[in-house]
Amino acid sequence: MTAVDNLWFLATEARQEAEQVYHRFAEEYDDFVEFRTTRTVSRGRFRTVAERIEAQGLPYGAHTLAYRPSGELLLVKQDAIDTWVLPGGEVEPDESVREGARRELGEEAGIDVDYDGLGILGEVRFRGDGHETWGVLPIFEGEAKSTELEVHDPDGEITDARWFDELPENTRDRAVLREWRRERFRE
């Protein structure tokens, strides 16, 4: 007997959830940078992100664009992939999306911000083993209340946190972050 594969159904349910979440953010916030990206992943990874998207609409949780008034941007280092990224991660079931972003910022960099709103709203498409779905990547923006950084990542993924005026070459979504900074600081 052949097992029925429900990955197509999961991908469809995830797309529907993403659509609803994207529209909620777009209606609640204005003046944010939008971007789209596509990632081709393995079948197993596709299932993982589709399950996350079906549950919350978010494949990677929520993130924060923490900045200083001078325009310096906070990035954290993921050594496993040798990449500088925005602080952020999965949102717990009992948290709002922004509460999850704030908690992750505290864990990964040891600071808090005064949130201004939504800085970037991303659409991340996933392809894997003949299936496709997409999820929402909300990135909130806020001015740092303090600038002394200290990493307390319980997952052990983040090994460093720094303020950058010039973004390193190995920064994830570097072009999008530069566009946000141009818009935010009218550079």
N, C-alpha and C. Protein backbone atom coordinates (compact mmCIF):
# COMPACT_ATOMS: atom_id res chain seq x y z
N MET A 1 0.83 -1.16 0.00
CA MET A 1 0.00 0.00 0.00
C MET A 1 0.89 1.25 0.00
N THR A 2 0.53 2.25 -0.75
CA THR A 2 1.30 3.48 -0.87
C THR A 2 0.76 4.52 0.12
N ALA A 3 1.68 5.16 0.81
CA ALA A 3 1.27 6.22 1.75
C ALA A 3 0.91 7.48 0.95
N VAL A 4 -0.10 8.15 1.39
CA VAL A 4 -0.53 9.39 0.73
C VAL A 4 0.34 10.53 1.26
N ASP A 5 0.89 11.30 0.33
CA ASP A 5 1.73 12.43 0.70
C ASP A 5 0.86 13.69 0.75
N ASN A 6 0.81 14.32 1.89
CA ASN A 6 -0.04 15.50 2.04
C ASN A 6 0.75 16.81 1.93
N LEU A 7 1.94 16.77 1.37
CA LEU A 7 2.76 17.97 1.28
C LEU A 7 2.10 19.04 0.42
N TRP A 8 1.41 18.64 -0.64
CA TRP A 8 0.72 19.62 -1.48
C TRP A 8 -0.36 20.34 -0.69
N PHE A 9 -1.07 19.60 0.18
CA PHE A 9 -2.12 20.18 0.99
C PHE A 9 -1.52 21.14 2.03
N LEU A 10 -0.43 20.74 2.67
CA LEU A 10 0.26 21.58 3.63
C LEU A 10 0.73 22.88 2.97
N ALA A 11 1.27 22.78 1.77
CA ALA A 11 1.73 23.97 1.04
C ALA A 11 0.58 24.91 0.74
N THR A 12 -0.56 24.37 0.38
CA THR A 12 -1.75 25.19 0.10
C THR A 12 -2.25 25.88 1.36
N GLU A 13 -2.34 25.15 2.45
CA GLU A 13 -2.78 25.73 3.72
C GLU A 13 -1.81 26.83 4.17
N ALA A 14 -0.51 26.60 4.00
CA ALA A 14 0.50 27.59 4.37
C ALA A 14 0.34 28.86 3.54
N ARG A 15 0.13 28.72 2.25
CA ARG A 15 -0.08 29.89 1.38
C ARG A 15 -1.28 30.71 1.83
N GLN A 16 -2.36 30.03 2.18
CA GLN A 16 -3.56 30.74 2.63
C GLN A 16 -3.31 31.51 3.93
N GLU A 17 -2.59 30.90 4.86
CA GLU A 17 -2.26 31.58 6.12
C GLU A 17 -1.35 32.78 5.85
N ALA A 18 -0.37 32.59 4.99
CA ALA A 18 0.56 33.69 4.65
C ALA A 18 -0.19 34.87 4.04
N GLU A 19 -1.11 34.57 3.17
CA GLU A 19 -1.90 35.63 2.52
C GLU A 19 -2.64 36.47 3.57
N GLN A 20 -3.26 35.81 4.53
CA GLN A 20 -4.00 36.52 5.57
C GLN A 20 -3.06 37.35 6.44
N VAL A 21 -1.94 36.79 6.84
CA VAL A 21 -0.98 37.50 7.69
C VAL A 21 -0.40 38.70 6.95
N TYR A 22 -0.05 38.52 5.69
CA TYR A 22 0.52 39.62 4.90
C TYR A 22 -0.46 40.79 4.84
N HIS A 23 -1.71 40.50 4.58
CA HIS A 23 -2.72 41.56 4.48
C HIS A 23 -2.95 42.26 5.82
N ARG A 24 -2.89 41.51 6.92
CA ARG A 24 -3.03 42.15 8.23
C ARG A 24 -1.91 43.15 8.48
N PHE A 25 -0.67 42.77 8.16
CA PHE A 25 0.46 43.69 8.33
C PHE A 25 0.33 44.89 7.40
N ALA A 26 -0.02 44.65 6.15
CA ALA A 26 -0.14 45.73 5.17
C ALA A 26 -1.24 46.72 5.54
N GLU A 27 -2.30 46.25 6.17
CA GLU A 27 -3.38 47.13 6.60
C GLU A 27 -3.02 47.90 7.88
N GLU A 28 -2.26 47.27 8.76
CA GLU A 28 -1.92 47.89 10.04
C GLU A 28 -0.80 48.92 9.93
N TYR A 29 0.15 48.69 9.02
CA TYR A 29 1.32 49.56 8.90
C TYR A 29 1.39 50.18 7.52
N ASP A 30 2.10 51.30 7.44
CA ASP A 30 2.36 51.89 6.14
C ASP A 30 3.82 52.35 6.11
N ASP A 31 4.27 52.77 4.95
CA ASP A 31 5.62 53.30 4.79
C ASP A 31 6.71 52.29 5.16
N PHE A 32 6.61 51.09 4.64
CA PHE A 32 7.63 50.08 4.86
C PHE A 32 8.19 49.64 3.51
N VAL A 33 9.38 49.10 3.52
CA VAL A 33 10.01 48.56 2.33
C VAL A 33 9.49 47.14 2.13
N GLU A 34 9.15 46.80 0.91
CA GLU A 34 8.71 45.44 0.60
C GLU A 34 9.78 44.73 -0.22
N PHE A 35 9.90 43.43 -0.02
CA PHE A 35 10.81 42.64 -0.87
C PHE A 35 10.28 41.23 -1.01
N ARG A 36 10.74 40.60 -2.08
CA ARG A 36 10.41 39.19 -2.35
C ARG A 36 11.69 38.45 -2.65
N THR A 37 11.75 37.24 -2.15
CA THR A 37 12.89 36.38 -2.43
C THR A 37 12.39 34.95 -2.55
N THR A 38 13.16 34.13 -3.24
CA THR A 38 12.79 32.72 -3.42
C THR A 38 13.96 31.85 -2.98
N ARG A 39 13.64 30.80 -2.26
CA ARG A 39 14.65 29.86 -1.80
C ARG A 39 14.24 28.46 -2.20
N THR A 40 15.17 27.75 -2.77
CA THR A 40 14.96 26.33 -3.10
C THR A 40 15.55 25.51 -1.96
N VAL A 41 14.73 24.63 -1.40
CA VAL A 41 15.12 23.88 -0.21
C VAL A 41 14.86 22.39 -0.42
N SER A 42 15.42 21.58 0.46
CA SER A 42 15.18 20.15 0.42
C SER A 42 13.74 19.85 0.81
N ARG A 43 13.31 18.64 0.53
CA ARG A 43 11.94 18.24 0.87
C ARG A 43 11.69 18.36 2.38
N GLY A 44 12.62 17.91 3.19
CA GLY A 44 12.47 17.98 4.64
C GLY A 44 12.39 19.42 5.13
N ARG A 45 13.25 20.28 4.60
CA ARG A 45 13.22 21.69 5.00
C ARG A 45 11.93 22.35 4.52
N PHE A 46 11.46 21.96 3.34
CA PHE A 46 10.21 22.50 2.82
C PHE A 46 9.07 22.19 3.79
N ARG A 47 9.01 20.96 4.26
CA ARG A 47 7.96 20.56 5.20
C ARG A 47 8.05 21.40 6.48
N THR A 48 9.27 21.60 7.00
CA THR A 48 9.46 22.37 8.23
C THR A 48 8.95 23.80 8.06
N VAL A 49 9.37 24.49 6.99
CA VAL A 49 8.93 25.88 6.83
C VAL A 49 7.44 25.96 6.52
N ALA A 50 6.91 24.99 5.77
CA ALA A 50 5.48 25.00 5.47
C ALA A 50 4.66 24.82 6.75
N GLU A 51 5.13 23.98 7.67
CA GLU A 51 4.44 23.80 8.95
C GLU A 51 4.47 25.08 9.77
N ARG A 52 5.62 25.77 9.78
CA ARG A 52 5.72 27.04 10.51
C ARG A 52 4.77 28.08 9.90
N ILE A 53 4.75 28.13 8.57
CA ILE A 53 3.90 29.11 7.89
C ILE A 53 2.43 28.80 8.14
N GLU A 54 2.07 27.53 8.08
CA GLU A 54 0.67 27.16 8.34
C GLU A 54 0.25 27.57 9.75
N ALA A 55 1.16 27.49 10.71
CA ALA A 55 0.84 27.80 12.09
C ALA A 55 0.72 29.31 12.35
N GLN A 56 1.62 30.13 11.73
CA GLN A 56 1.65 31.56 12.05
C GLN A 56 1.79 32.47 10.83
N GLY A 57 2.03 31.88 9.66
CA GLY A 57 2.29 32.69 8.48
C GLY A 57 3.74 33.09 8.33
N LEU A 58 4.57 32.72 9.32
CA LEU A 58 5.96 33.18 9.40
C LEU A 58 6.95 32.02 9.33
N PRO A 59 7.76 31.94 8.29
CA PRO A 59 8.74 30.85 8.22
C PRO A 59 9.93 31.05 9.15
N TYR A 60 10.28 32.32 9.43
CA TYR A 60 11.46 32.63 10.23
C TYR A 60 11.15 33.46 11.46
N GLY A 61 9.91 33.62 11.80
CA GLY A 61 9.56 34.44 12.95
C GLY A 61 9.60 35.92 12.62
N ALA A 62 9.98 36.73 13.62
CA ALA A 62 9.99 38.19 13.48
C ALA A 62 11.37 38.72 13.84
N HIS A 63 11.73 39.84 13.23
CA HIS A 63 13.05 40.42 13.40
C HIS A 63 12.96 41.91 13.69
N THR A 64 14.10 42.47 14.11
CA THR A 64 14.16 43.89 14.44
C THR A 64 15.31 44.58 13.73
N LEU A 65 15.01 45.72 13.14
CA LEU A 65 16.02 46.65 12.61
C LEU A 65 16.30 47.63 13.74
N ALA A 66 17.27 47.31 14.58
CA ALA A 66 17.65 48.19 15.68
C ALA A 66 18.70 49.16 15.14
N TYR A 67 18.47 50.46 15.37
CA TYR A 67 19.40 51.45 14.83
C TYR A 67 19.73 52.51 15.87
N ARG A 68 20.85 53.14 15.65
CA ARG A 68 21.24 54.32 16.42
C ARG A 68 20.80 55.54 15.61
N PRO A 69 20.62 56.69 16.26
CA PRO A 69 20.23 57.90 15.52
C PRO A 69 21.21 58.25 14.39
N SER A 70 22.47 57.84 14.54
CA SER A 70 23.48 58.11 13.52
C SER A 70 23.30 57.23 12.28
N GLY A 71 22.41 56.23 12.37
CA GLY A 71 22.16 55.36 11.23
C GLY A 71 22.84 54.01 11.32
N GLU A 72 23.66 53.80 12.35
CA GLU A 72 24.30 52.50 12.50
C GLU A 72 23.23 51.43 12.77
N LEU A 73 23.41 50.27 12.17
CA LEU A 73 22.46 49.18 12.26
C LEU A 73 23.06 48.02 13.04
N LEU A 74 22.25 47.41 13.89
CA LEU A 74 22.70 46.26 14.67
C LEU A 74 22.54 44.98 13.86
N LEU A 75 23.61 44.21 13.80
CA LEU A 75 23.59 42.88 13.20
C LEU A 75 24.16 41.88 14.18
N VAL A 76 23.72 40.64 14.07
CA VAL A 76 24.25 39.56 14.90
C VAL A 76 24.86 38.51 13.98
N LYS A 77 25.83 37.78 14.51
CA LYS A 77 26.60 36.83 13.70
C LYS A 77 26.11 35.41 13.93
N GLN A 78 25.79 34.73 12.82
CA GLN A 78 25.50 33.30 12.85
C GLN A 78 26.73 32.60 12.30
N ASP A 79 27.57 32.10 13.19
CA ASP A 79 28.82 31.48 12.77
C ASP A 79 28.62 30.25 11.90
N ALA A 80 27.55 29.49 12.16
CA ALA A 80 27.32 28.25 11.41
C ALA A 80 27.22 28.50 9.91
N ILE A 81 26.75 29.70 9.54
CA ILE A 81 26.64 30.03 8.11
C ILE A 81 27.51 31.22 7.73
N ASP A 82 28.36 31.66 8.68
CA ASP A 82 29.28 32.79 8.47
C ASP A 82 28.56 33.99 7.85
N THR A 83 27.47 34.39 8.49
CA THR A 83 26.64 35.47 7.96
C THR A 83 26.19 36.38 9.09
N TRP A 84 26.17 37.70 8.79
CA TRP A 84 25.60 38.70 9.69
C TRP A 84 24.12 38.84 9.33
N VAL A 85 23.26 38.82 10.34
CA VAL A 85 21.82 38.85 10.13
C VAL A 85 21.18 39.82 11.13
N LEU A 86 19.93 40.15 10.90
CA LEU A 86 19.17 40.93 11.87
C LEU A 86 18.79 40.03 13.04
N PRO A 87 18.78 40.58 14.25
CA PRO A 87 18.32 39.78 15.38
C PRO A 87 16.84 39.42 15.22
N GLY A 88 16.52 38.19 15.56
CA GLY A 88 15.14 37.76 15.45
C GLY A 88 15.03 36.25 15.48
N GLY A 89 13.80 35.78 15.43
CA GLY A 89 13.57 34.34 15.44
C GLY A 89 12.11 34.02 15.64
N GLU A 90 11.88 32.79 16.02
CA GLU A 90 10.51 32.28 16.13
C GLU A 90 9.71 33.00 17.21
N VAL A 91 8.43 33.14 16.94
CA VAL A 91 7.49 33.76 17.86
C VAL A 91 6.80 32.64 18.64
N GLU A 92 6.81 32.78 19.96
CA GLU A 92 6.16 31.78 20.82
C GLU A 92 4.64 31.90 20.68
N PRO A 93 3.90 30.81 20.90
CA PRO A 93 2.44 30.84 20.74
C PRO A 93 1.73 31.89 21.60
N ASP A 94 2.29 32.23 22.77
CA ASP A 94 1.63 33.19 23.66
C ASP A 94 2.09 34.64 23.44
N GLU A 95 2.88 34.89 22.39
CA GLU A 95 3.41 36.23 22.11
C GLU A 95 2.76 36.83 20.86
N SER A 96 2.70 38.15 20.83
CA SER A 96 2.39 38.81 19.56
C SER A 96 3.66 38.76 18.72
N VAL A 97 3.55 39.07 17.46
CA VAL A 97 4.72 39.03 16.58
C VAL A 97 5.77 40.03 17.06
N ARG A 98 5.34 41.23 17.42
CA ARG A 98 6.31 42.23 17.88
C ARG A 98 6.91 41.84 19.24
N GLU A 99 6.14 41.23 20.11
CA GLU A 99 6.70 40.75 21.38
C GLU A 99 7.78 39.70 21.14
N GLY A 100 7.55 38.84 20.15
CA GLY A 100 8.57 37.84 19.80
C GLY A 100 9.84 38.49 19.27
N ALA A 101 9.67 39.52 18.44
CA ALA A 101 10.84 40.25 17.92
C ALA A 101 11.61 40.89 19.06
N ARG A 102 10.90 41.49 20.01
CA ARG A 102 11.55 42.15 21.16
C ARG A 102 12.30 41.13 22.02
N ARG A 103 11.68 39.99 22.30
CA ARG A 103 12.33 38.96 23.11
C ARG A 103 13.60 38.47 22.43
N GLU A 104 13.51 38.19 21.14
CA GLU A 104 14.68 37.71 20.39
C GLU A 104 15.80 38.75 20.38
N LEU A 105 15.45 40.03 20.24
CA LEU A 105 16.44 41.10 20.27
C LEU A 105 17.17 41.11 21.61
N GLY A 106 16.43 40.95 22.68
CA GLY A 106 17.04 40.91 24.02
C GLY A 106 17.97 39.72 24.18
N GLU A 107 17.55 38.57 23.71
CA GLU A 107 18.38 37.36 23.83
C GLU A 107 19.65 37.47 22.97
N GLU A 108 19.50 37.95 21.76
CA GLU A 108 20.61 37.91 20.80
C GLU A 108 21.56 39.10 20.90
N ALA A 109 21.10 40.21 21.49
CA ALA A 109 21.97 41.39 21.56
C ALA A 109 21.95 42.09 22.91
N GLY A 110 21.01 41.73 23.80
CA GLY A 110 20.98 42.31 25.13
C GLY A 110 20.48 43.74 25.20
N ILE A 111 19.73 44.19 24.20
CA ILE A 111 19.21 45.55 24.22
C ILE A 111 17.71 45.55 23.95
N ASP A 112 17.12 46.74 24.08
CA ASP A 112 15.73 46.96 23.72
C ASP A 112 15.67 48.20 22.84
N VAL A 113 14.56 48.39 22.17
CA VAL A 113 14.38 49.54 21.28
C VAL A 113 13.01 50.17 21.54
N ASP A 114 12.88 51.42 21.11
CA ASP A 114 11.57 52.06 21.03
C ASP A 114 11.08 51.81 19.62
N TYR A 115 10.12 50.91 19.48
CA TYR A 115 9.66 50.53 18.15
C TYR A 115 8.93 51.68 17.47
N ASP A 116 9.26 51.91 16.19
CA ASP A 116 8.62 52.93 15.36
C ASP A 116 7.48 52.34 14.53
N GLY A 117 7.59 51.08 14.21
CA GLY A 117 6.61 50.43 13.35
C GLY A 117 7.27 49.32 12.57
N LEU A 118 6.76 49.06 11.39
CA LEU A 118 7.28 48.02 10.53
C LEU A 118 8.22 48.65 9.51
N GLY A 119 9.45 48.19 9.46
CA GLY A 119 10.43 48.74 8.53
C GLY A 119 10.45 48.01 7.20
N ILE A 120 10.32 46.69 7.25
CA ILE A 120 10.38 45.86 6.04
C ILE A 120 9.32 44.76 6.17
N LEU A 121 8.66 44.48 5.07
CA LEU A 121 7.72 43.36 5.01
C LEU A 121 8.12 42.49 3.83
N GLY A 122 8.59 41.30 4.15
CA GLY A 122 9.09 40.41 3.11
C GLY A 122 8.15 39.27 2.79
N GLU A 123 8.25 38.82 1.55
CA GLU A 123 7.54 37.64 1.06
C GLU A 123 8.62 36.64 0.66
N VAL A 124 8.71 35.54 1.40
CA VAL A 124 9.73 34.53 1.14
C VAL A 124 9.06 33.31 0.53
N ARG A 125 9.41 33.04 -0.72
CA ARG A 125 8.86 31.87 -1.43
C ARG A 125 9.80 30.69 -1.26
N PHE A 126 9.20 29.52 -1.12
CA PHE A 126 9.97 28.29 -0.95
C PHE A 126 9.57 27.30 -2.02
N ARG A 127 10.56 26.68 -2.62
CA ARG A 127 10.34 25.60 -3.59
C ARG A 127 11.10 24.38 -3.12
N GLY A 128 10.46 23.25 -3.24
CA GLY A 128 11.11 22.01 -2.85
C GLY A 128 10.37 20.81 -3.36
N ASP A 129 11.06 19.96 -4.09
CA ASP A 129 10.53 18.68 -4.55
C ASP A 129 9.20 18.84 -5.30
N GLY A 130 9.12 19.87 -6.14
CA GLY A 130 7.92 20.07 -6.95
C GLY A 130 6.81 20.84 -6.27
N HIS A 131 7.02 21.27 -5.06
CA HIS A 131 6.02 22.03 -4.32
C HIS A 131 6.49 23.47 -4.15
N GLU A 132 5.51 24.37 -3.93
CA GLU A 132 5.84 25.77 -3.67
C GLU A 132 4.86 26.35 -2.66
N THR A 133 5.40 27.20 -1.79
CA THR A 133 4.58 27.95 -0.84
C THR A 133 5.32 29.24 -0.52
N TRP A 134 4.74 30.05 0.33
CA TRP A 134 5.42 31.27 0.74
C TRP A 134 4.99 31.67 2.13
N GLY A 135 5.84 32.52 2.77
CA GLY A 135 5.56 33.01 4.10
C GLY A 135 5.97 34.47 4.23
N VAL A 136 5.58 35.06 5.33
CA VAL A 136 5.77 36.48 5.59
C VAL A 136 6.96 36.67 6.53
N LEU A 137 7.79 37.67 6.22
CA LEU A 137 8.91 38.02 7.08
C LEU A 137 8.74 39.47 7.53
N PRO A 138 8.15 39.68 8.75
CA PRO A 138 7.99 41.04 9.27
C PRO A 138 9.25 41.48 9.99
N ILE A 139 9.73 42.67 9.65
CA ILE A 139 10.93 43.22 10.29
C ILE A 139 10.57 44.59 10.84
N PHE A 140 10.48 44.66 12.16
CA PHE A 140 10.12 45.90 12.84
C PHE A 140 11.35 46.79 12.96
N GLU A 141 11.13 48.11 13.05
CA GLU A 141 12.24 49.04 13.21
C GLU A 141 12.10 49.79 14.51
N GLY A 142 13.25 50.12 15.11
CA GLY A 142 13.21 50.88 16.35
C GLY A 142 14.57 51.41 16.74
N GLU A 143 14.54 52.59 17.38
CA GLU A 143 15.78 53.21 17.87
C GLU A 143 16.19 52.55 19.17
N ALA A 144 17.47 52.23 19.26
CA ALA A 144 18.00 51.54 20.44
C ALA A 144 17.90 52.42 21.68
N LYS A 145 17.43 51.82 22.79
CA LYS A 145 17.39 52.51 24.08
C LYS A 145 18.77 52.51 24.71
N SER A 146 19.54 51.46 24.44
CA SER A 146 20.91 51.36 24.92
C SER A 146 21.75 50.78 23.78
N THR A 147 23.04 50.94 23.87
CA THR A 147 23.88 50.47 22.75
C THR A 147 24.96 49.48 23.19
N GLU A 148 24.99 49.15 24.48
CA GLU A 148 25.95 48.15 24.97
C GLU A 148 25.39 46.76 24.68
N LEU A 149 26.12 46.01 23.86
CA LEU A 149 25.62 44.73 23.37
C LEU A 149 26.14 43.57 24.20
N GLU A 150 25.27 42.57 24.39
CA GLU A 150 25.64 41.36 25.11
C GLU A 150 24.77 40.20 24.61
N VAL A 151 25.41 39.17 24.10
CA VAL A 151 24.71 38.02 23.52
C VAL A 151 24.36 37.02 24.63
N HIS A 152 23.07 36.64 24.69
CA HIS A 152 22.57 35.62 25.62
C HIS A 152 21.66 34.66 24.87
N ASP A 153 22.08 34.22 23.70
CA ASP A 153 21.22 33.39 22.85
C ASP A 153 21.09 31.98 23.42
N PRO A 154 19.90 31.59 23.89
CA PRO A 154 19.73 30.26 24.47
C PRO A 154 19.90 29.13 23.44
N ASP A 155 19.75 29.46 22.16
CA ASP A 155 19.92 28.45 21.11
C ASP A 155 21.37 28.26 20.72
N GLY A 156 22.24 29.20 21.10
CA GLY A 156 23.66 29.09 20.77
C GLY A 156 23.97 29.37 19.30
N GLU A 157 23.00 29.91 18.55
CA GLU A 157 23.23 30.20 17.13
C GLU A 157 23.97 31.51 16.91
N ILE A 158 23.74 32.47 17.81
CA ILE A 158 24.32 33.81 17.68
C ILE A 158 25.57 33.88 18.54
N THR A 159 26.69 34.30 17.94
CA THR A 159 27.96 34.35 18.66
C THR A 159 28.52 35.75 18.84
N ASP A 160 27.96 36.75 18.15
CA ASP A 160 28.47 38.11 18.25
C ASP A 160 27.36 39.08 17.85
N ALA A 161 27.47 40.30 18.34
CA ALA A 161 26.54 41.38 17.98
C ALA A 161 27.36 42.65 17.85
N ARG A 162 27.10 43.42 16.76
CA ARG A 162 27.87 44.65 16.53
C ARG A 162 27.00 45.68 15.82
N TRP A 163 27.40 46.96 16.00
CA TRP A 163 26.80 48.07 15.27
C TRP A 163 27.61 48.29 14.01
N PHE A 164 26.92 48.51 12.88
CA PHE A 164 27.60 48.72 11.60
C PHE A 164 27.12 49.99 10.92
N ASP A 165 28.09 50.77 10.46
CA ASP A 165 27.79 51.90 9.59
C ASP A 165 27.76 51.39 8.15
N GLU A 166 28.80 50.63 7.77
CA GLU A 166 28.84 49.96 6.48
C GLU A 166 28.53 48.48 6.70
N LEU A 167 27.56 47.96 5.99
CA LEU A 167 27.17 46.56 6.18
C LEU A 167 28.21 45.64 5.57
N PRO A 168 28.61 44.58 6.28
CA PRO A 168 29.57 43.63 5.74
C PRO A 168 29.04 42.95 4.47
N GLU A 169 29.94 42.50 3.64
CA GLU A 169 29.56 41.79 2.41
C GLU A 169 28.73 40.56 2.71
N ASN A 170 29.04 39.87 3.82
CA ASN A 170 28.31 38.64 4.17
C ASN A 170 27.11 38.93 5.08
N THR A 171 26.34 39.96 4.71
CA THR A 171 25.11 40.30 5.41
C THR A 171 23.93 39.74 4.63
N ARG A 172 23.07 38.98 5.31
CA ARG A 172 21.87 38.43 4.65
C ARG A 172 20.95 39.58 4.24
N ASP A 173 20.45 39.51 3.01
CA ASP A 173 19.52 40.50 2.45
C ASP A 173 20.11 41.91 2.51
N ARG A 174 21.39 42.02 2.23
CA ARG A 174 22.14 43.28 2.31
C ARG A 174 21.50 44.39 1.46
N ALA A 175 21.10 44.07 0.24
CA ALA A 175 20.52 45.10 -0.64
C ALA A 175 19.22 45.65 -0.06
N VAL A 176 18.41 44.79 0.53
CA VAL A 176 17.14 45.23 1.13
C VAL A 176 17.42 46.12 2.33
N LEU A 177 18.39 45.76 3.15
CA LEU A 177 18.73 46.56 4.32
C LEU A 177 19.27 47.93 3.91
N ARG A 178 20.05 47.96 2.85
CA ARG A 178 20.57 49.24 2.36
C ARG A 178 19.43 50.11 1.83
N GLU A 179 18.46 49.49 1.16
CA GLU A 179 17.30 50.24 0.67
C GLU A 179 16.51 50.81 1.85
N TRP A 180 16.28 49.99 2.89
CA TRP A 180 15.57 50.48 4.07
C TRP A 180 16.31 51.67 4.68
N ARG A 181 17.62 51.56 4.81
CA ARG A 181 18.40 52.63 5.42
C ARG A 181 18.34 53.91 4.60
N ARG A 182 18.38 53.79 3.28
CA ARG A 182 18.24 54.97 2.41
C ARG A 182 16.89 55.65 2.64
N GLU A 183 15.84 54.84 2.71
CA GLU A 183 14.49 55.38 2.94
C GLU A 183 14.36 55.98 4.34
N ARG A 184 14.85 55.28 5.33
CA ARG A 184 14.69 55.69 6.73
C ARG A 184 15.48 56.96 7.06
N PHE A 185 16.70 57.02 6.57
CA PHE A 185 17.59 58.13 6.90
C PHE A 185 17.78 59.10 5.73
N ARG A 186 16.99 58.90 4.66
CA ARG A 186 17.04 59.78 3.47
C ARG A 186 18.46 59.97 2.97
N GLU A 187 19.21 58.87 2.89
CA GLU A 187 20.60 58.90 2.41
C GLU A 187 20.65 58.96 0.90
